[in-house]
Amino acid sequence: MGNLYGLIGCPVEHSMSPAIHNDAFKEKNIDGYYHAFHVEPERLKESVEALKLLGVKGFNVTIPHKVSIIPYLDELHETAKIAGAVNTVVNVNGRLIGHNTDGNGYVESLKEMINKSVSDHKILIIGAGGAARGIYLALTHQGCKEIDICNRTVTKAEELIHECPFPNNSKALTIQEAEDHIGGYDIMIQTTAVGLHPYTDQKPLSLRNANKSAIVSDIIYNPIHTALLKEAEELGLTVHTGVGMFVHQAALAFELWTKQAPSIEKMTKIVYDKLGGTSC
């Protein structure tokens, strides 16, 4: 076996990352293998040390470790410093360098859905964790100023807005406040773990009063159509699944590790085939 790559998170059993990365290694004729490691929060530090000791060349970081991993890394790339979260780690001569490909990966996938500049939309982000942080900062960096953030703990949303280095007119909202004003948003982005397999019947808020021309986006990709997206479809809204962000951020990570760009189309097909969905 060649170089080892991987994913750490809790849970990771649902992840499609091994399938798409191992296929990309094969397609690019790279001697590498990707494995998903289930890491409980209280064992994060020792797990990172073990990966470093094993000489793992790179790994992805998912819920709930994107922020808490930072103290255990040797250095942060500018993308991770701005985002305040890490989703990709590169081993450079024994030093673990944290990057964030979530935000840029998400924005690239969203652009495929819209026919005008992303900065021309009024946006609601649901959640204020590591993924929300990366997406929020990538969007504000690209000129989006009308972005509100709702979260169960409003202070976390307030902190995220306060820490943003880019111009914005953002407001922090409770979940109820977001529901009350949901008709005013062009795009709603669900960034929490609510609805993730196996809790597929859960959703973070109601879309009942949403604008009929709105786009509802959920970064969860397993299941492809979460309870929130199913509600959006029933209401006649446009849905944006998490597959796009997942594939784009993964492709950016793969390129950081190998200096080679994988096929976005092939990665997308693998995810849809394995999850039993259809790409469109």
C-alpha atoms as a PDB file:
ATOM      1  CA  MET A   1       0.000   0.000   0.000  1.00  0.00           C
ATOM      2  CA  GLY A   2       1.241   3.476  -0.860  1.00  0.00           C
ATOM      3  CA  ASN A   3       0.611   6.792   0.822  1.00  0.00           C
ATOM      4  CA  LEU A   4      -2.234   6.930   3.337  1.00  0.00           C
ATOM      5  CA  TYR A   5      -4.919   9.642   3.333  1.00  0.00           C
ATOM      6  CA  GLY A   6      -8.111   9.838   5.292  1.00  0.00           C
ATOM      7  CA  LEU A   7     -11.026  11.471   7.032  1.00  0.00           C
ATOM      8  CA  ILE A   8     -11.636  12.084  10.725  1.00  0.00           C
ATOM      9  CA  GLY A   9     -15.067  12.823  12.122  1.00  0.00           C
ATOM     10  CA  CYS A  10     -17.885  11.569  14.308  1.00  0.00           C
ATOM     11  CA  PRO A  11     -19.763   9.929  12.668  1.00  0.00           C
ATOM     12  CA  VAL A  12     -18.018   8.942   9.425  1.00  0.00           C
ATOM     13  CA  GLU A  13     -19.842   5.737   8.494  1.00  0.00           C
ATOM     14  CA  HIS A  14     -22.038   7.609   6.002  1.00  0.00           C
ATOM     15  CA  SER A  15     -19.136   9.274   4.172  1.00  0.00           C
ATOM     16  CA  MET A  16     -18.628   8.907   0.443  1.00  0.00           C
ATOM     17  CA  SER A  17     -15.112  10.372   0.701  1.00  0.00           C
ATOM     18  CA  PRO A  18     -13.287   7.007   0.537  1.00  0.00           C
ATOM     19  CA  ALA A  19     -15.169   6.044  -2.622  1.00  0.00           C
ATOM     20  CA  ILE A  20     -14.440   9.232  -4.565  1.00  0.00           C
ATOM     21  CA  HIS A  21     -10.843   9.684  -3.428  1.00  0.00           C
ATOM     22  CA  ASN A  22      -9.808   6.074  -3.927  1.00  0.00           C
ATOM     23  CA  ASP A  23     -11.320   6.153  -7.408  1.00  0.00           C
ATOM     24  CA  ALA A  24      -9.432   9.378  -8.153  1.00  0.00           C
ATOM     25  CA  PHE A  25      -6.161   7.812  -6.972  1.00  0.00           C
ATOM     26  CA  LYS A  26      -6.768   4.916  -9.346  1.00  0.00           C
ATOM     27  CA  GLU A  27      -7.738   7.180 -12.252  1.00  0.00           C
ATOM     28  CA  LYS A  28      -4.640   9.346 -11.766  1.00  0.00           C
ATOM     29  CA  ASN A  29      -2.402   6.294 -11.253  1.00  0.00           C
ATOM     30  CA  ILE A  30      -1.402   7.511  -7.783  1.00  0.00           C
ATOM     31  CA  ASP A  31      -0.262   4.951  -5.213  1.00  0.00           C
ATOM     32  CA  GLY A  32      -2.543   6.103  -2.398  1.00  0.00           C
ATOM     33  CA  TYR A  33      -5.324   4.848  -0.168  1.00  0.00           C
ATOM     34  CA  TYR A  34      -8.037   6.823   1.664  1.00  0.00           C
ATOM     35  CA  HIS A  35      -9.706   5.604   4.861  1.00  0.00           C
ATOM     36  CA  ALA A  36     -12.426   7.080   7.111  1.00  0.00           C
ATOM     37  CA  PHE A  37     -11.508   7.153  10.822  1.00  0.00           C
ATOM     38  CA  HIS A  38     -14.239   7.494  13.460  1.00  0.00           C
ATOM     39  CA  VAL A  39     -12.785   9.829  16.098  1.00  0.00           C
ATOM     40  CA  GLU A  40     -14.678  10.716  19.269  1.00  0.00           C
ATOM     41  CA  PRO A  41     -14.194  14.330  20.412  1.00  0.00           C
ATOM     42  CA  GLU A  42     -12.323  13.371  23.564  1.00  0.00           C
ATOM     43  CA  ARG A  43      -9.788  11.398  21.501  1.00  0.00           C
ATOM     44  CA  LEU A  44      -9.105  14.076  18.894  1.00  0.00           C
ATOM     45  CA  LYS A  45      -5.675  15.125  20.149  1.00  0.00           C
ATOM     46  CA  GLU A  46      -4.257  11.602  20.364  1.00  0.00           C
ATOM     47  CA  SER A  47      -5.804  10.715  16.995  1.00  0.00           C
ATOM     48  CA  VAL A  48      -4.133  13.654  15.251  1.00  0.00           C
ATOM     49  CA  GLU A  49      -0.828  12.721  16.881  1.00  0.00           C
ATOM     50  CA  ALA A  50      -1.272   9.128  15.683  1.00  0.00           C
ATOM     51  CA  LEU A  51      -1.967  10.214  12.103  1.00  0.00           C
ATOM     52  CA  LYS A  52       1.134  12.375  12.188  1.00  0.00           C
ATOM     53  CA  LEU A  53       3.201   9.517  13.598  1.00  0.00           C
ATOM     54  CA  LEU A  54       1.936   7.203  10.871  1.00  0.00           C
ATOM     55  CA  GLY A  55       3.047   9.685   8.232  1.00  0.00           C
ATOM     56  CA  VAL A  56      -0.430  10.173   6.779  1.00  0.00           C
ATOM     57  CA  LYS A  57       0.029  12.498   3.782  1.00  0.00           C
ATOM     58  CA  GLY A  58      -3.249  14.305   4.219  1.00  0.00           C
ATOM     59  CA  PHE A  59      -6.711  14.016   5.680  1.00  0.00           C
ATOM     60  CA  ASN A  60     -10.107  15.660   5.705  1.00  0.00           C
ATOM     61  CA  VAL A  61     -11.834  16.901   8.847  1.00  0.00           C
ATOM     62  CA  THR A  62     -15.586  16.813   9.323  1.00  0.00           C
ATOM     63  CA  ILE A  63     -18.180  17.347  12.070  1.00  0.00           C
ATOM     64  CA  PRO A  64     -17.518  17.947  14.950  1.00  0.00           C
ATOM     65  CA  HIS A  65     -13.750  18.572  14.672  1.00  0.00           C
ATOM     66  CA  LYS A  66     -13.393  21.441  12.159  1.00  0.00           C
ATOM     67  CA  VAL A  67     -12.710  24.065  14.815  1.00  0.00           C
ATOM     68  CA  SER A  68     -11.454  21.960  17.723  1.00  0.00           C
ATOM     69  CA  ILE A  69      -8.631  20.458  15.650  1.00  0.00           C
ATOM     70  CA  ILE A  70      -6.866  23.803  15.219  1.00  0.00           C
ATOM     71  CA  PRO A  71      -4.727  23.667  18.415  1.00  0.00           C
ATOM     72  CA  TYR A  72      -3.304  20.303  17.338  1.00  0.00           C
ATOM     73  CA  LEU A  73      -1.991  21.477  13.956  1.00  0.00           C
ATOM     74  CA  ASP A  74       1.417  22.999  13.250  1.00  0.00           C
ATOM     75  CA  GLU A  75       0.259  25.768  10.955  1.00  0.00           C
ATOM     76  CA  LEU A  76      -2.841  27.235   9.309  1.00  0.00           C
ATOM     77  CA  HIS A  77      -3.080  28.233   5.667  1.00  0.00           C
ATOM     78  CA  GLU A  78      -4.707  31.600   4.969  1.00  0.00           C
ATOM     79  CA  THR A  79      -7.983  29.893   3.977  1.00  0.00           C
ATOM     80  CA  ALA A  80      -8.232  28.268   7.408  1.00  0.00           C
ATOM     81  CA  LYS A  81      -7.172  31.432   9.245  1.00  0.00           C
ATOM     82  CA  ILE A  82      -9.923  33.422   7.542  1.00  0.00           C
ATOM     83  CA  ALA A  83     -12.530  30.709   8.060  1.00  0.00           C
ATOM     84  CA  GLY A  84     -11.476  29.898  11.608  1.00  0.00           C
ATOM     85  CA  ALA A  85     -12.040  26.252  10.727  1.00  0.00           C
ATOM     86  CA  VAL A  86     -10.201  23.396   9.018  1.00  0.00           C
ATOM     87  CA  ASN A  87     -11.580  20.733   6.705  1.00  0.00           C
ATOM     88  CA  THR A  88      -8.362  19.621   4.992  1.00  0.00           C
ATOM     89  CA  VAL A  89      -4.919  18.881   6.440  1.00  0.00           C
ATOM     90  CA  VAL A  90      -1.747  18.490   4.392  1.00  0.00           C
ATOM     91  CA  ASN A  91       1.373  16.833   5.804  1.00  0.00           C
ATOM     92  CA  VAL A  92       4.353  18.884   4.606  1.00  0.00           C
ATOM     93  CA  ASN A  93       7.624  17.302   5.724  1.00  0.00           C
ATOM     94  CA  GLY A  94       6.106  16.197   9.007  1.00  0.00           C
ATOM     95  CA  ARG A  95       4.230  19.450   9.671  1.00  0.00           C
ATOM     96  CA  LEU A  96       0.436  19.356   9.610  1.00  0.00           C
ATOM     97  CA  ILE A  97      -0.933  22.373   7.713  1.00  0.00           C
ATOM     98  CA  GLY A  98      -4.646  23.126   8.035  1.00  0.00           C
ATOM     99  CA  HIS A  99      -6.626  24.404   5.024  1.00  0.00           C
ATOM    100  CA  ASN A 100     -10.286  25.134   4.389  1.00  0.00           C
ATOM    101  CA  THR A 101     -11.795  24.151   1.036  1.00  0.00           C
ATOM    102  CA  ASP A 102     -15.411  24.170   2.281  1.00  0.00           C
ATOM    103  CA  GLY A 103     -16.216  27.783   1.520  1.00  0.00           C
ATOM    104  CA  ASN A 104     -14.749  27.970  -1.971  1.00  0.00           C
ATOM    105  CA  GLY A 105     -16.083  24.512  -2.805  1.00  0.00           C
ATOM    106  CA  TYR A 106     -19.565  25.544  -1.748  1.00  0.00           C
ATOM    107  CA  VAL A 107     -19.535  28.823  -3.670  1.00  0.00           C
ATOM    108  CA  GLU A 108     -18.377  27.071  -6.835  1.00  0.00           C
ATOM    109  CA  SER A 109     -21.233  24.578  -6.551  1.00  0.00           C
ATOM    110  CA  LEU A 110     -23.779  27.341  -5.856  1.00  0.00           C
ATOM    111  CA  LYS A 111     -22.682  29.320  -8.911  1.00  0.00           C
ATOM    112  CA  GLU A 112     -23.730  26.363 -11.044  1.00  0.00           C
ATOM    113  CA  MET A 113     -27.321  26.935  -9.814  1.00  0.00           C
ATOM    114  CA  ILE A 114     -27.761  30.687 -10.281  1.00  0.00           C
ATOM    115  CA  ASN A 115     -27.929  32.949 -13.326  1.00  0.00           C
ATOM    116  CA  LYS A 116     -26.677  36.170 -11.740  1.00  0.00           C
ATOM    117  CA  SER A 117     -23.868  37.182  -9.413  1.00  0.00           C
ATOM    118  CA  VAL A 118     -24.003  35.500  -6.036  1.00  0.00           C
ATOM    119  CA  SER A 119     -23.564  38.940  -4.453  1.00  0.00           C
ATOM    120  CA  ASP A 120     -26.952  40.020  -5.824  1.00  0.00           C
ATOM    121  CA  HIS A 121     -28.851  37.640  -3.524  1.00  0.00           C
ATOM    122  CA  LYS A 122     -30.158  38.029   0.022  1.00  0.00           C
ATOM    123  CA  ILE A 123     -29.003  34.943   1.877  1.00  0.00           C
ATOM    124  CA  LEU A 124     -29.864  33.130   5.105  1.00  0.00           C
ATOM    125  CA  ILE A 125     -27.317  30.740   6.610  1.00  0.00           C
ATOM    126  CA  ILE A 126     -28.724  28.205   9.071  1.00  0.00           C
ATOM    127  CA  GLY A 127     -26.094  27.261  11.640  1.00  0.00           C
ATOM    128  CA  ALA A 128     -22.913  28.900  12.912  1.00  0.00           C
ATOM    129  CA  GLY A 129     -20.431  26.019  13.132  1.00  0.00           C
ATOM    130  CA  GLY A 130     -17.287  25.271  11.168  1.00  0.00           C
ATOM    131  CA  ALA A 131     -19.016  24.680   7.816  1.00  0.00           C
ATOM    132  CA  ALA A 132     -21.161  27.807   8.212  1.00  0.00           C
ATOM    133  CA  ARG A 133     -18.055  29.832   9.008  1.00  0.00           C
ATOM    134  CA  GLY A 134     -16.242  28.704   5.866  1.00  0.00           C
ATOM    135  CA  ILE A 135     -19.260  29.367   3.649  1.00  0.00           C
ATOM    136  CA  TYR A 136     -20.100  32.720   5.243  1.00  0.00           C
ATOM    137  CA  LEU A 137     -16.581  34.068   4.875  1.00  0.00           C
ATOM    138  CA  ALA A 138     -16.222  32.783   1.312  1.00  0.00           C
ATOM    139  CA  LEU A 139     -19.478  34.508   0.361  1.00  0.00           C
ATOM    140  CA  THR A 140     -18.639  37.807   2.069  1.00  0.00           C
ATOM    141  CA  HIS A 141     -15.165  37.681   0.502  1.00  0.00           C
ATOM    142  CA  GLN A 142     -16.891  37.543  -2.895  1.00  0.00           C
ATOM    143  CA  GLY A 143     -18.934  40.654  -2.123  1.00  0.00           C
ATOM    144  CA  CYS A 144     -22.114  39.239  -0.583  1.00  0.00           C
ATOM    145  CA  LYS A 145     -23.235  41.717   2.080  1.00  0.00           C
ATOM    146  CA  GLU A 146     -26.866  40.731   2.642  1.00  0.00           C
ATOM    147  CA  ILE A 147     -26.299  37.526   4.625  1.00  0.00           C
ATOM    148  CA  ASP A 148     -28.080  36.766   7.895  1.00  0.00           C
ATOM    149  CA  ILE A 149     -27.168  33.872  10.178  1.00  0.00           C
ATOM    150  CA  CYS A 150     -29.600  31.991  12.410  1.00  0.00           C
ATOM    151  CA  ASN A 151     -28.561  29.520  15.071  1.00  0.00           C
ATOM    152  CA  ARG A 152     -29.973  27.837  18.154  1.00  0.00           C
ATOM    153  CA  THR A 153     -27.316  29.707  20.143  1.00  0.00           C
ATOM    154  CA  VAL A 154     -27.556  33.246  18.780  1.00  0.00           C
ATOM    155  CA  THR A 155     -24.301  34.329  20.414  1.00  0.00           C
ATOM    156  CA  LYS A 156     -22.384  31.964  18.111  1.00  0.00           C
ATOM    157  CA  ALA A 157     -23.942  33.675  15.083  1.00  0.00           C
ATOM    158  CA  GLU A 158     -23.106  37.073  16.569  1.00  0.00           C
ATOM    159  CA  GLU A 159     -19.491  36.016  17.100  1.00  0.00           C
ATOM    160  CA  LEU A 160     -19.178  34.784  13.521  1.00  0.00           C
ATOM    161  CA  ILE A 161     -20.497  38.079  12.141  1.00  0.00           C
ATOM    162  CA  HIS A 162     -18.286  40.118  14.484  1.00  0.00           C
ATOM    163  CA  GLU A 163     -15.179  38.189  13.431  1.00  0.00           C
ATOM    164  CA  CYS A 164     -15.835  38.572   9.683  1.00  0.00           C
ATOM    165  CA  PRO A 165     -13.065  40.725   8.122  1.00  0.00           C
ATOM    166  CA  PHE A 166     -15.144  41.603   5.035  1.00  0.00           C
ATOM    167  CA  PRO A 167     -17.877  44.265   4.646  1.00  0.00           C
ATOM    168  CA  ASN A 168     -21.344  42.966   5.517  1.00  0.00           C
ATOM    169  CA  ASN A 169     -24.802  43.960   6.724  1.00  0.00           C
ATOM    170  CA  SER A 170     -25.416  40.668   8.480  1.00  0.00           C
ATOM    171  CA  LYS A 171     -27.789  40.075  11.376  1.00  0.00           C
ATOM    172  CA  ALA A 172     -27.789  37.242  13.902  1.00  0.00           C
ATOM    173  CA  LEU A 173     -31.224  35.652  14.328  1.00  0.00           C
ATOM    174  CA  THR A 174     -32.926  33.012  16.401  1.00  0.00           C
ATOM    175  CA  ILE A 175     -34.455  30.084  14.513  1.00  0.00           C
ATOM    176  CA  GLN A 176     -37.912  31.549  15.146  1.00  0.00           C
ATOM    177  CA  GLU A 177     -36.886  34.975  13.861  1.00  0.00           C
ATOM    178  CA  ALA A 178     -35.520  33.344  10.712  1.00  0.00           C
ATOM    179  CA  GLU A 179     -38.810  31.507  10.165  1.00  0.00           C
ATOM    180  CA  ASP A 180     -40.752  34.727  10.682  1.00  0.00           C
ATOM    181  CA  HIS A 181     -38.725  36.541   7.989  1.00  0.00           C
ATOM    182  CA  ILE A 182     -37.959  33.625   5.692  1.00  0.00           C
ATOM    183  CA  GLY A 183     -39.952  35.101   2.815  1.00  0.00           C
ATOM    184  CA  GLY A 184     -37.313  37.815   2.400  1.00  0.00           C
ATOM    185  CA  TYR A 185     -34.455  35.507   1.376  1.00  0.00           C
ATOM    186  CA  ASP A 186     -33.388  34.463  -2.120  1.00  0.00           C
ATOM    187  CA  ILE A 187     -31.133  31.650  -0.914  1.00  0.00           C
ATOM    188  CA  MET A 188     -31.270  29.624   2.303  1.00  0.00           C
ATOM    189  CA  ILE A 189     -28.214  27.530   3.186  1.00  0.00           C
ATOM    190  CA  GLN A 190     -28.556  24.738   5.767  1.00  0.00           C
ATOM    191  CA  THR A 191     -25.121  24.021   7.302  1.00  0.00           C
ATOM    192  CA  THR A 192     -25.910  22.028  10.452  1.00  0.00           C
ATOM    193  CA  ALA A 193     -25.975  18.245  11.004  1.00  0.00           C
ATOM    194  CA  VAL A 194     -29.773  18.289  11.331  1.00  0.00           C
ATOM    195  CA  GLY A 195     -31.138  15.778   8.831  1.00  0.00           C
ATOM    196  CA  LEU A 196     -27.887  13.842   8.478  1.00  0.00           C
ATOM    197  CA  HIS A 197     -28.167  10.062   8.153  1.00  0.00           C
ATOM    198  CA  PRO A 198     -29.577   8.277  10.160  1.00  0.00           C
ATOM    199  CA  TYR A 199     -31.745  11.141  11.527  1.00  0.00           C
ATOM    200  CA  THR A 200     -33.254  11.816   8.139  1.00  0.00           C
ATOM    201  CA  ASP A 201     -36.683  12.977   9.357  1.00  0.00           C
ATOM    202  CA  GLN A 202     -35.320  16.064  11.115  1.00  0.00           C
ATOM    203  CA  LYS A 203     -35.128  19.625   9.769  1.00  0.00           C
ATOM    204  CA  PRO A 204     -33.879  22.840  11.393  1.00  0.00           C
ATOM    205  CA  LEU A 205     -36.831  25.107  10.540  1.00  0.00           C
ATOM    206  CA  SER A 206     -40.002  25.418   8.464  1.00  0.00           C
ATOM    207  CA  LEU A 207     -40.024  26.766   4.907  1.00  0.00           C
ATOM    208  CA  ARG A 208     -43.781  27.290   4.889  1.00  0.00           C
ATOM    209  CA  ASN A 209     -43.573  31.047   4.252  1.00  0.00           C
ATOM    210  CA  ALA A 210     -40.539  31.039   1.948  1.00  0.00           C
ATOM    211  CA  ASN A 211     -40.446  33.037  -1.283  1.00  0.00           C
ATOM    212  CA  LYS A 212     -41.602  30.773  -4.122  1.00  0.00           C
ATOM    213  CA  SER A 213     -38.586  31.762  -6.240  1.00  0.00           C
ATOM    214  CA  ALA A 214     -36.079  30.946  -3.489  1.00  0.00           C
ATOM    215  CA  ILE A 215     -33.264  28.405  -3.634  1.00  0.00           C
ATOM    216  CA  VAL A 216     -32.982  26.054  -0.658  1.00  0.00           C
ATOM    217  CA  SER A 217     -29.516  24.589  -0.205  1.00  0.00           C
ATOM    218  CA  ASP A 218     -28.470  21.835   2.205  1.00  0.00           C
ATOM    219  CA  ILE A 219     -24.803  20.901   2.554  1.00  0.00           C
ATOM    220  CA  ILE A 220     -25.739  17.406   3.774  1.00  0.00           C
ATOM    221  CA  TYR A 221     -25.332  14.928   0.908  1.00  0.00           C
ATOM    222  CA  ASN A 222     -26.405  11.705   2.676  1.00  0.00           C
ATOM    223  CA  PRO A 223     -29.304  11.560   2.166  1.00  0.00           C
ATOM    224  CA  ILE A 224     -29.224  13.543  -1.072  1.00  0.00           C
ATOM    225  CA  HIS A 225     -32.695  14.902  -0.405  1.00  0.00           C
ATOM    226  CA  THR A 226     -32.961  15.801   3.274  1.00  0.00           C
ATOM    227  CA  ALA A 227     -36.254  16.470   5.027  1.00  0.00           C
ATOM    228  CA  LEU A 228     -35.662  20.180   4.464  1.00  0.00           C
ATOM    229  CA  LEU A 229     -35.130  19.724   0.722  1.00  0.00           C
ATOM    230  CA  LYS A 230     -38.180  17.471   0.490  1.00  0.00           C
ATOM    231  CA  GLU A 231     -40.270  20.226   2.060  1.00  0.00           C
ATOM    232  CA  ALA A 232     -38.749  22.718  -0.385  1.00  0.00           C
ATOM    233  CA  GLU A 233     -39.684  20.507  -3.331  1.00  0.00           C
ATOM    234  CA  GLU A 234     -43.239  20.093  -2.018  1.00  0.00           C
ATOM    235  CA  LEU A 235     -43.511  23.894  -1.874  1.00  0.00           C
ATOM    236  CA  GLY A 236     -42.207  24.248  -5.423  1.00  0.00           C
ATOM    237  CA  LEU A 237     -38.889  25.818  -4.429  1.00  0.00           C
ATOM    238  CA  THR A 238     -35.571  25.211  -6.185  1.00  0.00           C
ATOM    239  CA  VAL A 239     -33.285  22.807  -4.314  1.00  0.00           C
ATOM    240  CA  HIS A 240     -29.499  22.645  -4.222  1.00  0.00           C
ATOM    241  CA  THR A 241     -28.206  19.384  -2.767  1.00  0.00           C
ATOM    242  CA  GLY A 242     -25.014  18.921  -0.795  1.00  0.00           C
ATOM    243  CA  VAL A 243     -23.412  16.796  -3.498  1.00  0.00           C
ATOM    244  CA  GLY A 244     -22.027  19.831  -5.345  1.00  0.00           C
ATOM    245  CA  MET A 245     -20.249  21.278  -2.334  1.00  0.00           C
ATOM    246  CA  PHE A 246     -19.017  17.854  -1.248  1.00  0.00           C
ATOM    247  CA  VAL A 247     -17.468  17.118  -4.619  1.00  0.00           C
ATOM    248  CA  HIS A 248     -15.960  20.565  -5.178  1.00  0.00           C
ATOM    249  CA  GLN A 249     -14.365  20.765  -1.717  1.00  0.00           C
ATOM    250  CA  ALA A 250     -13.079  17.204  -2.117  1.00  0.00           C
ATOM    251  CA  ALA A 251     -11.537  18.014  -5.488  1.00  0.00           C
ATOM    252  CA  LEU A 252      -9.747  21.020  -3.999  1.00  0.00           C
ATOM    253  CA  ALA A 253      -8.429  18.846  -1.155  1.00  0.00           C
ATOM    254  CA  PHE A 254      -7.256  16.143  -3.566  1.00  0.00           C
ATOM    255  CA  GLU A 255      -5.357  18.762  -5.550  1.00  0.00           C
ATOM    256  CA  LEU A 256      -3.699  20.099  -2.383  1.00  0.00           C
ATOM    257  CA  TRP A 257      -2.456  16.600  -1.552  1.00  0.00           C
ATOM    258  CA  THR A 258      -1.410  15.410  -5.019  1.00  0.00           C
ATOM    259  CA  LYS A 259      -1.007  18.556  -7.195  1.00  0.00           C
ATOM    260  CA  GLN A 260      -3.407  16.880  -9.633  1.00  0.00           C
ATOM    261  CA  ALA A 261      -7.030  17.840 -10.326  1.00  0.00           C
ATOM    262  CA  PRO A 262      -9.549  14.979 -10.244  1.00  0.00           C
ATOM    263  CA  SER A 263     -12.639  14.742 -12.434  1.00  0.00           C
ATOM    264  CA  ILE A 264     -15.563  16.647 -10.877  1.00  0.00           C
ATOM    265  CA  GLU A 265     -17.948  14.795 -13.182  1.00  0.00           C
ATOM    266  CA  LYS A 266     -16.625  11.364 -12.167  1.00  0.00           C
ATOM    267  CA  MET A 267     -16.769  12.206  -8.463  1.00  0.00           C
ATOM    268  CA  THR A 268     -20.336  13.462  -8.822  1.00  0.00           C
ATOM    269  CA  LYS A 269     -21.444  10.325 -10.654  1.00  0.00           C
ATOM    270  CA  ILE A 270     -19.946   8.070  -7.978  1.00  0.00           C
ATOM    271  CA  VAL A 271     -21.832   9.869  -5.191  1.00  0.00           C
ATOM    272  CA  TYR A 272     -25.179   9.734  -7.001  1.00  0.00           C
ATOM    273  CA  ASP A 273     -24.671   6.093  -8.002  1.00  0.00           C
ATOM    274  CA  LYS A 274     -23.842   5.019  -4.450  1.00  0.00           C
ATOM    275  CA  LEU A 275     -26.661   6.970  -2.848  1.00  0.00           C
ATOM    276  CA  GLY A 276     -29.222   5.878  -5.402  1.00  0.00           C
ATOM    277  CA  GLY A 277     -30.026   9.363  -6.629  1.00  0.00           C
ATOM    278  CA  THR A 278     -29.908  11.036  -9.996  1.00  0.00           C
ATOM    279  CA  SER A 279     -27.752  13.994 -10.989  1.00  0.00           C
ATOM    280  CA  CYS A 280     -29.353  16.860 -12.832  1.00  0.00           C
END
